[in-house]
Amino acid sequence: MADNAVTSTDTGSSPREHNSAGGPKAIIKNVDMTEEMQQESVEIASAALEKYTIEKDIAAQIKKEFDRRHGPTWHVVVGKNFGSYVTHETKHFIYFYVGSLAILIWKS
């Protein structure tokens, strides 16, 4: 059984910036994930943002790609105004912005 942690999204956390290859800059707000997986998260999200404009479709694409690459069960929220309080597997949580769009990804 995987270790779990509870994390809330908090705009007060210190942000870190990540660039996908030539894509928009991502501002990481809260994270419990390896550096490699953080970069992968930004790349997957950037690709979904290029392909879709509807938030639900962006979230679905990100989830499908994470489930394919890392096995189920991943959850994704994409939007401009939401709060959260989630339980996630240790080292499987990221909350970041690309432009004005917030992206929350976690595994449970």
Protein backbone atom coordinates (compact mmCIF):
# COMPACT_ATOMS: atom_id res chain seq x y z
CA MET A 1 0.00 0.00 0.00
CA ALA A 2 1.32 3.46 -0.92
CA ASP A 3 1.98 6.16 1.64
CA ASN A 4 -0.58 8.96 1.57
CA ALA A 5 -0.41 12.67 2.29
CA VAL A 6 -3.05 15.38 2.49
CA THR A 7 -2.37 18.59 0.59
CA SER A 8 -4.38 21.73 -0.04
CA THR A 9 -3.76 24.22 -2.80
CA ASP A 10 -2.34 27.39 -1.33
CA THR A 11 -1.49 30.47 -3.33
CA GLY A 12 0.80 31.54 -0.47
CA SER A 13 3.42 28.87 -1.16
CA SER A 14 6.66 29.97 -2.78
CA PRO A 15 6.45 29.43 -6.54
CA ARG A 16 9.12 27.87 -8.76
CA GLU A 17 9.25 28.25 -12.52
CA HIS A 18 9.56 25.44 -15.06
CA ASN A 19 9.77 25.74 -18.81
CA SER A 20 8.55 23.06 -21.14
CA ALA A 21 10.62 22.79 -24.31
CA GLY A 22 9.85 26.12 -25.98
CA GLY A 23 6.42 26.22 -24.34
CA PRO A 24 4.85 28.56 -21.84
CA LYS A 25 6.40 29.02 -18.42
CA ALA A 26 4.81 27.03 -15.59
CA ILE A 27 4.71 28.45 -12.07
CA ILE A 28 4.78 25.60 -9.54
CA LYS A 29 2.81 26.56 -6.43
CA ASN A 30 2.85 23.33 -4.40
CA VAL A 31 4.51 20.01 -5.14
CA ASP A 32 5.31 16.59 -3.72
CA MET A 33 6.89 14.97 -6.79
CA THR A 34 10.33 14.22 -8.24
CA GLU A 35 11.97 16.86 -10.44
CA GLU A 36 11.70 14.54 -13.43
CA MET A 37 7.98 13.98 -12.93
CA GLN A 38 7.46 17.73 -12.40
CA GLN A 39 9.02 18.42 -15.80
CA GLU A 40 6.93 15.66 -17.35
CA SER A 41 3.78 17.18 -15.79
CA VAL A 42 4.50 20.56 -17.35
CA GLU A 43 5.22 18.98 -20.74
CA ILE A 44 2.02 16.87 -20.70
CA ALA A 45 -0.06 19.87 -19.61
CA SER A 46 1.50 22.14 -22.25
CA ALA A 47 0.71 19.60 -24.97
CA ALA A 48 -2.91 19.35 -23.77
CA LEU A 49 -3.20 23.16 -23.73
CA GLU A 50 -1.98 23.31 -27.33
CA LYS A 51 -4.53 20.70 -28.42
CA TYR A 52 -7.64 21.79 -26.45
CA THR A 53 -9.28 25.02 -25.29
CA ILE A 54 -12.04 23.62 -23.04
CA GLU A 55 -10.84 23.01 -19.47
CA LYS A 56 -12.64 19.64 -19.16
CA ASP A 57 -10.93 18.41 -22.34
CA ILE A 58 -7.52 19.62 -21.14
CA ALA A 59 -8.00 17.78 -17.82
CA ALA A 60 -9.16 14.60 -19.58
CA GLN A 61 -6.10 14.58 -21.87
CA ILE A 62 -3.70 15.09 -18.95
CA LYS A 63 -5.37 12.31 -16.93
CA LYS A 64 -5.33 9.85 -19.84
CA GLU A 65 -1.63 10.50 -20.43
CA PHE A 66 -0.71 10.11 -16.74
CA ASP A 67 -2.76 6.90 -16.45
CA ARG A 68 -1.04 5.57 -19.58
CA ARG A 69 2.50 6.45 -18.45
CA HIS A 70 2.23 5.83 -14.70
CA GLY A 71 -0.79 3.55 -14.21
CA PRO A 72 -4.09 4.50 -12.59
CA THR A 73 -5.50 6.25 -10.63
CA TRP A 74 -4.67 9.90 -11.44
CA HIS A 75 -6.97 12.88 -10.90
CA VAL A 76 -6.76 16.24 -12.67
CA VAL A 77 -8.46 19.59 -12.10
CA VAL A 78 -7.98 22.45 -14.57
CA GLY A 79 -9.46 25.91 -14.10
CA LYS A 80 -9.13 29.52 -13.05
CA ASN A 81 -10.96 29.52 -9.72
CA PHE A 82 -11.06 26.54 -7.37
CA GLY A 83 -9.89 25.38 -3.99
CA SER A 84 -8.88 21.86 -3.04
CA TYR A 85 -7.98 19.57 -0.18
CA VAL A 86 -6.92 16.14 -1.43
CA THR A 87 -5.31 12.94 -0.18
CA HIS A 88 -2.57 11.74 -2.51
CA GLU A 89 0.12 9.11 -2.69
CA THR A 90 3.47 10.40 -1.48
CA LYS A 91 5.53 11.89 -4.35
CA HIS A 92 2.45 12.05 -6.62
CA PHE A 93 1.08 15.62 -6.33
CA ILE A 94 1.62 18.86 -8.24
CA TYR A 95 -0.23 22.17 -8.41
CA PHE A 96 0.93 24.74 -10.94
CA TYR A 97 -0.13 27.56 -13.24
CA VAL A 98 0.41 27.95 -16.95
CA GLY A 99 -0.60 31.52 -17.67
CA SER A 100 -3.85 32.18 -15.79
CA LEU A 101 -4.89 28.50 -15.80
CA ALA A 102 -4.31 26.41 -12.66
CA ILE A 103 -3.58 22.68 -13.01
CA LEU A 104 -3.81 20.23 -10.12
CA ILE A 105 -2.63 16.63 -10.66
CA TRP A 106 -2.52 13.88 -8.02
CA LYS A 107 -2.59 10.12 -7.69
CA SER A 108 -4.61 8.20 -5.12
